[in-house]
PDB file of N, CA and C in Angstrom:
ATOM      1  N   MET A   1      13.688  13.139   1.292  1.00  0.00           N
ATOM      2  CA  MET A   1      13.166  14.436   0.894  1.00  0.00           C
ATOM      3  C   MET A   1      14.220  15.224   0.110  1.00  0.00           C
ATOM      4  N   LYS A   2      15.488  15.180   0.550  1.00  0.00           N
ATOM      5  CA  LYS A   2      16.548  15.914  -0.150  1.00  0.00           C
ATOM      6  C   LYS A   2      16.756  15.364  -1.554  1.00  0.00           C
ATOM      7  N   ALA A   3      16.640  14.039  -1.714  1.00  0.00           N
ATOM      8  CA  ALA A   3      16.820  13.435  -3.033  1.00  0.00           C
ATOM      9  C   ALA A   3      15.734  13.907  -3.994  1.00  0.00           C
ATOM     10  N   ILE A   4      14.510  14.009  -3.523  1.00  0.00           N
ATOM     11  CA  ILE A   4      13.413  14.467  -4.372  1.00  0.00           C
ATOM     12  C   ILE A   4      13.637  15.916  -4.781  1.00  0.00           C
ATOM     13  N   LEU A   5      14.057  16.750  -3.858  1.00  0.00           N
ATOM     14  CA  LEU A   5      14.326  18.153  -4.151  1.00  0.00           C
ATOM     15  C   LEU A   5      15.451  18.278  -5.174  1.00  0.00           C
ATOM     16  N   ALA A   6      16.497  17.490  -5.028  1.00  0.00           N
ATOM     17  CA  ALA A   6      17.624  17.529  -5.960  1.00  0.00           C
ATOM     18  C   ALA A   6      17.178  17.119  -7.359  1.00  0.00           C
ATOM     19  N   ILE A   7      16.344  16.105  -7.453  1.00  0.00           N
ATOM     20  CA  ILE A   7      15.847  15.666  -8.757  1.00  0.00           C
ATOM     21  C   ILE A   7      14.997  16.762  -9.387  1.00  0.00           C
ATOM     22  N   ALA A   8      14.168  17.408  -8.611  1.00  0.00           N
ATOM     23  CA  ALA A   8      13.326  18.490  -9.129  1.00  0.00           C
ATOM     24  C   ALA A   8      14.175  19.649  -9.630  1.00  0.00           C
ATOM     25  N   LEU A   9      15.245  19.978  -8.935  1.00  0.00           N
ATOM     26  CA  LEU A   9      16.119  21.068  -9.363  1.00  0.00           C
ATOM     27  C   LEU A   9      16.820  20.735 -10.668  1.00  0.00           C
ATOM     28  N   VAL A  10      17.302  19.508 -10.808  1.00  0.00           N
ATOM     29  CA  VAL A  10      17.977  19.092 -12.034  1.00  0.00           C
ATOM     30  C   VAL A  10      16.998  19.123 -13.198  1.00  0.00           C
ATOM     31  N   ALA A  11      15.781  18.648 -12.984  1.00  0.00           N
ATOM     32  CA  ALA A  11      14.789  18.592 -14.054  1.00  0.00           C
ATOM     33  C   ALA A  11      14.372  19.980 -14.519  1.00  0.00           C
ATOM     34  N   SER A  12      14.435  20.963 -13.640  1.00  0.00           N
ATOM     35  CA  SER A  12      13.966  22.296 -14.011  1.00  0.00           C
ATOM     36  C   SER A  12      15.084  23.215 -14.493  1.00  0.00           C
ATOM     37  N   GLN A  13      16.313  22.730 -14.552  1.00  0.00           N
ATOM     38  CA  GLN A  13      17.422  23.579 -14.984  1.00  0.00           C
ATOM     39  C   GLN A  13      17.250  23.994 -16.437  1.00  0.00           C
ATOM     40  N   THR A  14      17.633  25.205 -16.710  1.00  0.00           N
ATOM     41  CA  THR A  14      17.557  25.736 -18.061  1.00  0.00           C
ATOM     42  C   THR A  14      18.861  25.432 -18.784  1.00  0.00           C
ATOM     43  N   THR A  15      18.743  25.084 -20.043  1.00  0.00           N
ATOM     44  CA  THR A  15      19.890  24.833 -20.896  1.00  0.00           C
ATOM     45  C   THR A  15      20.006  26.003 -21.867  1.00  0.00           C
ATOM     46  N   TYR A  16      21.211  26.294 -22.289  1.00  0.00           N
ATOM     47  CA  TYR A  16      21.429  27.353 -23.269  1.00  0.00           C
ATOM     48  C   TYR A  16      21.528  26.732 -24.654  1.00  0.00           C
ATOM     49  N   TYR A  17      20.934  27.404 -25.619  1.00  0.00           N
ATOM     50  CA  TYR A  17      20.892  26.934 -26.997  1.00  0.00           C
ATOM     51  C   TYR A  17      21.339  28.052 -27.920  1.00  0.00           C
ATOM     52  N   GLU A  18      21.817  27.655 -29.101  1.00  0.00           N
ATOM     53  CA  GLU A  18      22.181  28.618 -30.137  1.00  0.00           C
ATOM     54  C   GLU A  18      21.388  28.290 -31.391  1.00  0.00           C
ATOM     55  N   ALA A  19      20.839  29.321 -32.024  1.00  0.00           N
ATOM     56  CA  ALA A  19      20.078  29.125 -33.257  1.00  0.00           C
ATOM     57  C   ALA A  19      21.035  28.719 -34.380  1.00  0.00           C
ATOM     58  N   LYS A  20      20.777  27.568 -35.000  1.00  0.00           N
ATOM     59  CA  LYS A  20      21.597  27.085 -36.110  1.00  0.00           C
ATOM     60  C   LYS A  20      21.241  27.793 -37.410  1.00  0.00           C
ATOM     61  N   VAL A  21      20.026  28.302 -37.477  1.00  0.00           N
ATOM     62  CA  VAL A  21      19.510  29.010 -38.649  1.00  0.00           C
ATOM     63  C   VAL A  21      18.681  30.195 -38.157  1.00  0.00           C
ATOM     64  N   THR A  22      18.376  31.121 -39.043  1.00  0.00           N
ATOM     65  CA  THR A  22      17.425  32.167 -38.672  1.00  0.00           C
ATOM     66  C   THR A  22      16.068  31.497 -38.517  1.00  0.00           C
ATOM     67  N   THR A  23      15.409  31.748 -37.411  1.00  0.00           N
ATOM     68  CA  THR A  23      14.173  31.047 -37.083  1.00  0.00           C
ATOM     69  C   THR A  23      13.190  32.016 -36.437  1.00  0.00           C
ATOM     70  N   PHE A  24      12.255  31.489 -35.693  1.00  0.00           N
ATOM     71  CA  PHE A  24      11.211  32.311 -35.092  1.00  0.00           C
ATOM     72  C   PHE A  24      10.773  31.710 -33.767  1.00  0.00           C
ATOM     73  N   GLY A  25      10.215  32.566 -32.944  1.00  0.00           N
ATOM     74  CA  GLY A  25       9.599  32.145 -31.694  1.00  0.00           C
ATOM     75  C   GLY A  25       8.225  32.778 -31.631  1.00  0.00           C
ATOM     76  N   CYS A  26       7.248  32.023 -31.154  1.00  0.00           N
ATOM     77  CA  CYS A  26       5.867  32.517 -31.128  1.00  0.00           C
ATOM     78  C   CYS A  26       5.246  32.303 -29.756  1.00  0.00           C
ATOM     79  N   THR A  27       4.153  32.987 -29.525  1.00  0.00           N
ATOM     80  CA  THR A  27       3.481  32.898 -28.234  1.00  0.00           C
ATOM     81  C   THR A  27       2.645  31.638 -28.091  1.00  0.00           C
ATOM     82  N   SER A  28       2.503  30.859 -29.171  1.00  0.00           N
ATOM     83  CA  SER A  28       1.734  29.613 -29.088  1.00  0.00           C
ATOM     84  C   SER A  28       2.336  28.546 -29.995  1.00  0.00           C
ATOM     85  N   ILE A  29       2.106  27.302 -29.631  1.00  0.00           N
ATOM     86  CA  ILE A  29       2.550  26.182 -30.462  1.00  0.00           C
ATOM     87  C   ILE A  29       1.803  26.211 -31.795  1.00  0.00           C
ATOM     88  N   GLU A  30       0.544  26.628 -31.782  1.00  0.00           N
ATOM     89  CA  GLU A  30      -0.257  26.698 -33.005  1.00  0.00           C
ATOM     90  C   GLU A  30       0.368  27.658 -34.016  1.00  0.00           C
ATOM     91  N   ALA A  31       0.849  28.803 -33.556  1.00  0.00           N
ATOM     92  CA  ALA A  31       1.486  29.769 -34.457  1.00  0.00           C
ATOM     93  C   ALA A  31       2.770  29.190 -35.047  1.00  0.00           C
ATOM     94  N   VAL A  32       3.540  28.469 -34.232  1.00  0.00           N
ATOM     95  CA  VAL A  32       4.753  27.809 -34.735  1.00  0.00           C
ATOM     96  C   VAL A  32       4.367  26.801 -35.809  1.00  0.00           C
ATOM     97  N   SER A  33       3.330  26.027 -35.561  1.00  0.00           N
ATOM     98  CA  SER A  33       2.866  25.022 -36.512  1.00  0.00           C
ATOM     99  C   SER A  33       2.449  25.663 -37.835  1.00  0.00           C
ATOM    100  N   GLU A  34       1.747  26.785 -37.766  1.00  0.00           N
ATOM    101  CA  GLU A  34       1.330  27.490 -38.983  1.00  0.00           C
ATOM    102  C   GLU A  34       2.546  27.920 -39.803  1.00  0.00           C
ATOM    103  N   LEU A  35       3.562  28.443 -39.144  1.00  0.00           N
ATOM    104  CA  LEU A  35       4.766  28.873 -39.857  1.00  0.00           C
ATOM    105  C   LEU A  35       5.542  27.675 -40.397  1.00  0.00           C
ATOM    106  N   GLN A  36       5.577  26.583 -39.651  1.00  0.00           N
ATOM    107  CA  GLN A  36       6.276  25.378 -40.106  1.00  0.00           C
ATOM    108  C   GLN A  36       5.648  24.850 -41.401  1.00  0.00           C
ATOM    109  N   LYS A  37       4.332  24.971 -41.523  1.00  0.00           N
ATOM    110  CA  LYS A  37       3.628  24.462 -42.711  1.00  0.00           C
ATOM    111  C   LYS A  37       4.051  25.183 -43.983  1.00  0.00           C
ATOM    112  N   VAL A  38       4.432  26.458 -43.895  1.00  0.00           N
ATOM    113  CA  VAL A  38       4.823  27.222 -45.091  1.00  0.00           C
ATOM    114  C   VAL A  38       6.336  27.407 -45.188  1.00  0.00           C
ATOM    115  N   ARG A  39       7.069  26.753 -44.333  1.00  0.00           N
ATOM    116  CA  ARG A  39       8.516  26.966 -44.245  1.00  0.00           C
ATOM    117  C   ARG A  39       9.262  26.629 -45.532  1.00  0.00           C
ATOM    118  N   SER A  40       8.785  25.660 -46.285  1.00  0.00           N
ATOM    119  CA  SER A  40       9.488  25.266 -47.507  1.00  0.00           C
ATOM    120  C   SER A  40       9.406  26.345 -48.593  1.00  0.00           C
ATOM    121  N   ASP A  41       8.465  27.278 -48.463  1.00  0.00           N
ATOM    122  CA  ASP A  41       8.320  28.392 -49.403  1.00  0.00           C
ATOM    123  C   ASP A  41       8.804  29.663 -48.702  1.00  0.00           C
ATOM    124  N   GLU A  42      10.035  30.073 -49.015  1.00  0.00           N
ATOM    125  CA  GLU A  42      10.679  31.193 -48.310  1.00  0.00           C
ATOM    126  C   GLU A  42       9.839  32.471 -48.332  1.00  0.00           C
ATOM    127  N   LYS A  43       9.257  32.796 -49.495  1.00  0.00           N
ATOM    128  CA  LYS A  43       8.451  34.021 -49.585  1.00  0.00           C
ATOM    129  C   LYS A  43       7.197  33.921 -48.720  1.00  0.00           C
ATOM    130  N   ALA A  44       6.543  32.775 -48.748  1.00  0.00           N
ATOM    131  CA  ALA A  44       5.334  32.581 -47.936  1.00  0.00           C
ATOM    132  C   ALA A  44       5.680  32.633 -46.451  1.00  0.00           C
ATOM    133  N   LEU A  45       6.814  32.043 -46.089  1.00  0.00           N
ATOM    134  CA  LEU A  45       7.247  32.070 -44.689  1.00  0.00           C
ATOM    135  C   LEU A  45       7.512  33.505 -44.241  1.00  0.00           C
ATOM    136  N   GLN A  46       8.240  34.262 -45.053  1.00  0.00           N
ATOM    137  CA  GLN A  46       8.555  35.642 -44.684  1.00  0.00           C
ATOM    138  C   GLN A  46       7.285  36.482 -44.533  1.00  0.00           C
ATOM    139  N   ALA A  47       6.328  36.292 -45.441  1.00  0.00           N
ATOM    140  CA  ALA A  47       5.069  37.045 -45.370  1.00  0.00           C
ATOM    141  C   ALA A  47       4.278  36.666 -44.117  1.00  0.00           C
ATOM    142  N   ALA A  48       4.186  35.362 -43.844  1.00  0.00           N
ATOM    143  CA  ALA A  48       3.435  34.897 -42.668  1.00  0.00           C
ATOM    144  C   ALA A  48       4.114  35.353 -41.380  1.00  0.00           C
ATOM    145  N   LEU A  49       5.448  35.271 -41.345  1.00  0.00           N
ATOM    146  CA  LEU A  49       6.179  35.701 -40.157  1.00  0.00           C
ATOM    147  C   LEU A  49       6.014  37.207 -39.941  1.00  0.00           C
ATOM    148  N   MET A  50       6.075  37.979 -41.003  1.00  0.00           N
ATOM    149  CA  MET A  50       5.900  39.430 -40.885  1.00  0.00           C
ATOM    150  C   MET A  50       4.520  39.753 -40.309  1.00  0.00           C
ATOM    151  N   ASP A  51       3.492  39.079 -40.803  1.00  0.00           N
ATOM    152  CA  ASP A  51       2.135  39.296 -40.271  1.00  0.00           C
ATOM    153  C   ASP A  51       2.082  38.986 -38.780  1.00  0.00           C
ATOM    154  N   LYS A  52       2.706  37.875 -38.394  1.00  0.00           N
ATOM    155  CA  LYS A  52       2.677  37.465 -36.985  1.00  0.00           C
ATOM    156  C   LYS A  52       3.545  38.387 -36.116  1.00  0.00           C
ATOM    157  N   GLN A  53       4.607  38.936 -36.684  1.00  0.00           N
ATOM    158  CA  GLN A  53       5.421  39.900 -35.941  1.00  0.00           C
ATOM    159  C   GLN A  53       4.639  41.197 -35.723  1.00  0.00           C
ATOM    160  N   LEU A  54       3.950  41.649 -36.747  1.00  0.00           N
ATOM    161  CA  LEU A  54       3.184  42.889 -36.636  1.00  0.00           C
ATOM    162  C   LEU A  54       2.054  42.770 -35.620  1.00  0.00           C
ATOM    163  N   SER A  55       1.505  41.566 -35.482  1.00  0.00           N
ATOM    164  CA  SER A  55       0.428  41.357 -34.508  1.00  0.00           C
ATOM    165  C   SER A  55       0.973  41.062 -33.111  1.00  0.00           C
ATOM    166  N   GLY A  56       2.309  40.951 -32.994  1.00  0.00           N
ATOM    167  CA  GLY A  56       2.919  40.681 -31.697  1.00  0.00           C
ATOM    168  C   GLY A  56       2.894  39.220 -31.301  1.00  0.00           C
ATOM    169  N   GLU A  57       2.556  38.356 -32.260  1.00  0.00           N
ATOM    170  CA  GLU A  57       2.428  36.927 -31.975  1.00  0.00           C
ATOM    171  C   GLU A  57       3.761  36.184 -32.074  1.00  0.00           C
ATOM    172  N   CYS A  58       4.686  36.681 -32.890  1.00  0.00           N
ATOM    173  CA  CYS A  58       5.963  36.000 -33.104  1.00  0.00           C
ATOM    174  C   CYS A  58       7.111  37.009 -33.183  1.00  0.00           C
ATOM    175  N   VAL A  59       8.323  36.495 -32.992  1.00  0.00           N
ATOM    176  CA  VAL A  59       9.545  37.276 -33.151  1.00  0.00           C
ATOM    177  C   VAL A  59      10.514  36.481 -34.017  1.00  0.00           C
ATOM    178  N   ALA A  60      11.390  37.180 -34.713  1.00  0.00           N
ATOM    179  CA  ALA A  60      12.451  36.521 -35.473  1.00  0.00           C
ATOM    180  C   ALA A  60      13.617  36.262 -34.526  1.00  0.00           C
ATOM    181  N   ILE A  61      14.280  35.131 -34.718  1.00  0.00           N
ATOM    182  CA  ILE A  61      15.476  34.784 -33.945  1.00  0.00           C
ATOM    183  C   ILE A  61      16.583  34.549 -34.964  1.00  0.00           C
ATOM    184  N   LEU A  62      17.590  35.400 -34.951  1.00  0.00           N
ATOM    185  CA  LEU A  62      18.658  35.333 -35.943  1.00  0.00           C
ATOM    186  C   LEU A  62      19.612  34.176 -35.685  1.00  0.00           C
ATOM    187  N   LYS A  63      20.182  33.656 -36.771  1.00  0.00           N
ATOM    188  CA  LYS A  63      21.181  32.598 -36.673  1.00  0.00           C
ATOM    189  C   LYS A  63      22.296  33.057 -35.739  1.00  0.00           C
ATOM    190  N   GLY A  64      22.720  32.177 -34.830  1.00  0.00           N
ATOM    191  CA  GLY A  64      23.792  32.488 -33.897  1.00  0.00           C
ATOM    192  C   GLY A  64      23.317  33.078 -32.581  1.00  0.00           C
ATOM    193  N   THR A  65      22.033  33.424 -32.495  1.00  0.00           N
ATOM    194  CA  THR A  65      21.496  33.983 -31.255  1.00  0.00           C
ATOM    195  C   THR A  65      21.480  32.913 -30.168  1.00  0.00           C
ATOM    196  N   GLN A  66      21.962  33.266 -28.984  1.00  0.00           N
ATOM    197  CA  GLN A  66      21.924  32.335 -27.854  1.00  0.00           C
ATOM    198  C   GLN A  66      20.711  32.637 -26.999  1.00  0.00           C
ATOM    199  N   VAL A  67      20.005  31.580 -26.609  1.00  0.00           N
ATOM    200  CA  VAL A  67      18.787  31.710 -25.814  1.00  0.00           C
ATOM    201  C   VAL A  67      18.827  30.717 -24.663  1.00  0.00           C
ATOM    202  N   GLU A  68      18.044  31.007 -23.637  1.00  0.00           N
ATOM    203  CA  GLU A  68      17.788  30.014 -22.600  1.00  0.00           C
ATOM    204  C   GLU A  68      16.632  29.178 -23.113  1.00  0.00           C
ATOM    205  N   GLY A  69      16.673  27.888 -22.875  1.00  0.00           N
ATOM    206  CA  GLY A  69      15.584  27.065 -23.384  1.00  0.00           C
ATOM    207  C   GLY A  69      15.289  25.864 -22.524  1.00  0.00           C
ATOM    208  N   SER A  70      14.069  25.385 -22.661  1.00  0.00           N
ATOM    209  CA  SER A  70      13.650  24.150 -22.002  1.00  0.00           C
ATOM    210  C   SER A  70      12.649  23.457 -22.910  1.00  0.00           C
ATOM    211  N   ASN A  71      12.617  22.136 -22.823  1.00  0.00           N
ATOM    212  CA  ASN A  71      11.690  21.376 -23.648  1.00  0.00           C
ATOM    213  C   ASN A  71      10.261  21.694 -23.249  1.00  0.00           C
ATOM    214  N   GLU A  72       9.403  21.804 -24.237  1.00  0.00           N
ATOM    215  CA  GLU A  72       7.984  22.068 -24.000  1.00  0.00           C
ATOM    216  C   GLU A  72       7.299  20.737 -23.680  1.00  0.00           C
ATOM    217  N   PRO A  73       6.734  20.594 -22.484  1.00  0.00           N
ATOM    218  CA  PRO A  73       6.098  19.327 -22.102  1.00  0.00           C
ATOM    219  C   PRO A  73       4.963  18.907 -23.040  1.00  0.00           C
ATOM    220  N   ALA A  74       4.257  19.857 -23.622  1.00  0.00           N
ATOM    221  CA  ALA A  74       3.110  19.536 -24.472  1.00  0.00           C
ATOM    222  C   ALA A  74       3.510  19.057 -25.867  1.00  0.00           C
ATOM    223  N   ASP A  75       4.763  19.321 -26.297  1.00  0.00           N
ATOM    224  CA  ASP A  75       5.190  18.974 -27.655  1.00  0.00           C
ATOM    225  C   ASP A  75       6.712  18.874 -27.674  1.00  0.00           C
ATOM    226  N   SER A  76       7.226  17.667 -27.864  1.00  0.00           N
ATOM    227  CA  SER A  76       8.675  17.438 -27.781  1.00  0.00           C
ATOM    228  C   SER A  76       9.456  18.068 -28.935  1.00  0.00           C
ATOM    229  N   SER A  77       8.779  18.545 -29.979  1.00  0.00           N
ATOM    230  CA  SER A  77       9.482  19.190 -31.093  1.00  0.00           C
ATOM    231  C   SER A  77       9.613  20.699 -30.883  1.00  0.00           C
ATOM    232  N   ILE A  78       9.142  21.170 -29.725  1.00  0.00           N
ATOM    233  CA  ILE A  78       9.126  22.605 -29.429  1.00  0.00           C
ATOM    234  C   ILE A  78      10.069  22.923 -28.271  1.00  0.00           C
ATOM    235  N   LEU A  79      10.789  24.016 -28.422  1.00  0.00           N
ATOM    236  CA  LEU A  79      11.663  24.531 -27.375  1.00  0.00           C
ATOM    237  C   LEU A  79      11.053  25.834 -26.863  1.00  0.00           C
ATOM    238  N   ARG A  80      10.869  25.943 -25.559  1.00  0.00           N
ATOM    239  CA  ARG A  80      10.397  27.217 -24.977  1.00  0.00           C
ATOM    240  C   ARG A  80      11.644  28.035 -24.670  1.00  0.00           C
ATOM    241  N   VAL A  81      11.763  29.200 -25.310  1.00  0.00           N
ATOM    242  CA  VAL A  81      12.966  30.019 -25.165  1.00  0.00           C
ATOM    243  C   VAL A  81      12.702  31.275 -24.352  1.00  0.00           C
ATOM    244  N   ASN A  82      13.726  31.673 -23.626  1.00  0.00           N
ATOM    245  CA  ASN A  82      13.758  32.927 -22.854  1.00  0.00           C
ATOM    246  C   ASN A  82      12.561  33.119 -21.927  1.00  0.00           C
ATOM    247  N   GLN A  83      12.118  32.038 -21.325  1.00  0.00           N
ATOM    248  CA  GLN A  83      10.980  32.105 -20.410  1.00  0.00           C
ATOM    249  C   GLN A  83      11.290  32.966 -19.191  1.00  0.00           C
ATOM    250  N   LYS A  84      12.522  32.897 -18.689  1.00  0.00           N
ATOM    251  CA  LYS A  84      12.895  33.685 -17.509  1.00  0.00           C
ATOM    252  C   LYS A  84      13.156  35.148 -17.862  1.00  0.00           C
ATOM    253  N   ILE A  85      13.698  35.390 -19.055  1.00  0.00           N
ATOM    254  CA  ILE A  85      14.069  36.739 -19.475  1.00  0.00           C
ATOM    255  C   ILE A  85      12.862  37.528 -19.975  1.00  0.00           C
ATOM    256  N   GLU A  86      12.015  36.871 -20.773  1.00  0.00           N
ATOM    257  CA  GLU A  86      10.841  37.514 -21.373  1.00  0.00           C
ATOM    258  C   GLU A  86       9.594  36.667 -21.106  1.00  0.00           C
ATOM    259  N   PRO A  87       9.148  36.593 -19.857  1.00  0.00           N
ATOM    260  CA  PRO A  87       7.994  35.736 -19.530  1.00  0.00           C
ATOM    261  C   PRO A  87       6.779  36.071 -20.396  1.00  0.00           C
ATOM    262  N   PRO A  88       6.048  35.092 -20.873  1.00  0.00           N
ATOM    263  CA  PRO A  88       6.191  33.663 -20.609  1.00  0.00           C
ATOM    264  C   PRO A  88       7.149  32.961 -21.562  1.00  0.00           C
ATOM    265  N   GLY A  89       7.909  33.713 -22.344  1.00  0.00           N
ATOM    266  CA  GLY A  89       8.842  33.124 -23.298  1.00  0.00           C
ATOM    267  C   GLY A  89       8.170  32.885 -24.637  1.00  0.00           C
ATOM    268  N   TYR A  90       8.902  32.243 -25.533  1.00  0.00           N
ATOM    269  CA  TYR A  90       8.398  31.961 -26.873  1.00  0.00           C
ATOM    270  C   TYR A  90       8.568  30.487 -27.176  1.00  0.00           C
ATOM    271  N   GLU A  91       7.654  29.961 -27.979  1.00  0.00           N
ATOM    272  CA  GLU A  91       7.750  28.597 -28.481  1.00  0.00           C
ATOM    273  C   GLU A  91       8.521  28.663 -29.794  1.00  0.00           C
ATOM    274  N   ALA A  92       9.476  27.757 -29.988  1.00  0.00           N
ATOM    275  CA  ALA A  92      10.285  27.764 -31.202  1.00  0.00           C
ATOM    276  C   ALA A  92      10.561  26.326 -31.629  1.00  0.00           C
ATOM    277  N   PRO A  93      10.851  26.108 -32.915  1.00  0.00           N
ATOM    278  CA  PRO A  93      11.150  24.756 -33.385  1.00  0.00           C
ATOM    279  C   PRO A  93      12.482  24.263 -32.799  1.00  0.00           C
ATOM    280  N   LEU A  94      12.451  23.182 -32.052  1.00  0.00           N
ATOM    281  CA  LEU A  94      13.647  22.632 -31.408  1.00  0.00           C
ATOM    282  C   LEU A  94      14.735  22.310 -32.422  1.00  0.00           C
ATOM    283  N   GLU A  95      14.352  21.826 -33.607  1.00  0.00           N
ATOM    284  CA  GLU A  95      15.332  21.419 -34.615  1.00  0.00           C
ATOM    285  C   GLU A  95      16.207  22.577 -35.103  1.00  0.00           C
ATOM    286  N   ASP A  96      15.797  23.810 -34.846  1.00  0.00           N
ATOM    287  CA  ASP A  96      16.558  24.980 -35.289  1.00  0.00           C
ATOM    288  C   ASP A  96      17.660  25.382 -34.313  1.00  0.00           C
ATOM    289  N   PHE A  97      17.792  24.656 -33.211  1.00  0.00           N
ATOM    290  CA  PHE A  97      18.732  25.021 -32.154  1.00  0.00           C
ATOM    291  C   PHE A  97      19.645  23.862 -31.809  1.00  0.00           C
ATOM    292  N   GLU A  98      20.833  24.212 -31.284  1.00  0.00           N
ATOM    293  CA  GLU A  98      21.722  23.200 -30.728  1.00  0.00           C
ATOM    294  C   GLU A  98      22.088  23.621 -29.316  1.00  0.00           C
ATOM    295  N   ALA A  99      22.162  22.639 -28.436  1.00  0.00           N
ATOM    296  CA  ALA A  99      22.498  22.918 -27.038  1.00  0.00           C
ATOM    297  C   ALA A  99      23.938  23.391 -26.953  1.00  0.00           C
ATOM    298  N   LYS A 100      24.174  24.346 -26.070  1.00  0.00           N
ATOM    299  CA  LYS A 100      25.516  24.873 -25.840  1.00  0.00           C
ATOM    300  C   LYS A 100      25.965  24.465 -24.450  1.00  0.00           C
ATOM    301  N   ALA A 101      27.244  24.220 -24.301  1.00  0.00           N
ATOM    302  CA  ALA A 101      27.799  23.897 -22.985  1.00  0.00           C
ATOM    303  C   ALA A 101      27.735  25.137 -22.113  1.00  0.00           C
ATOM    304  N   SER A 102      27.323  24.961 -20.870  1.00  0.00           N
ATOM    305  CA  SER A 102      27.278  26.115 -19.962  1.00  0.00           C
ATOM    306  C   SER A 102      28.665  26.365 -19.405  1.00  0.00           C
ATOM    307  N   ASP A 103      28.983  27.632 -19.200  1.00  0.00           N
ATOM    308  CA  ASP A 103      30.315  28.015 -18.706  1.00  0.00           C
ATOM    309  C   ASP A 103      30.422  27.808 -17.221  1.00  0.00           C
TER     310      ASP A 103
END
């Protein structure tokens, strides 16, 4: 029983990440996907992100920002950030972050 509990605790630990680029976090994977589709066009991305920010669906995450994160079980390319700090947290593109060593 103790071994199972220990495994569950390790699996649920939060890792800290740092944004490698200015990016975004959204309340749904679908919203992240929509922004990813226009990402290659900077003006289109900024306009779409602004619309989603005004509706409360997404937030901007500046380069260098440190967040708590965990892998999203439904999509391995998504990082769920700040779930404990700002429940339920935000979905963000995993590729925009790098794991940081915990102190």
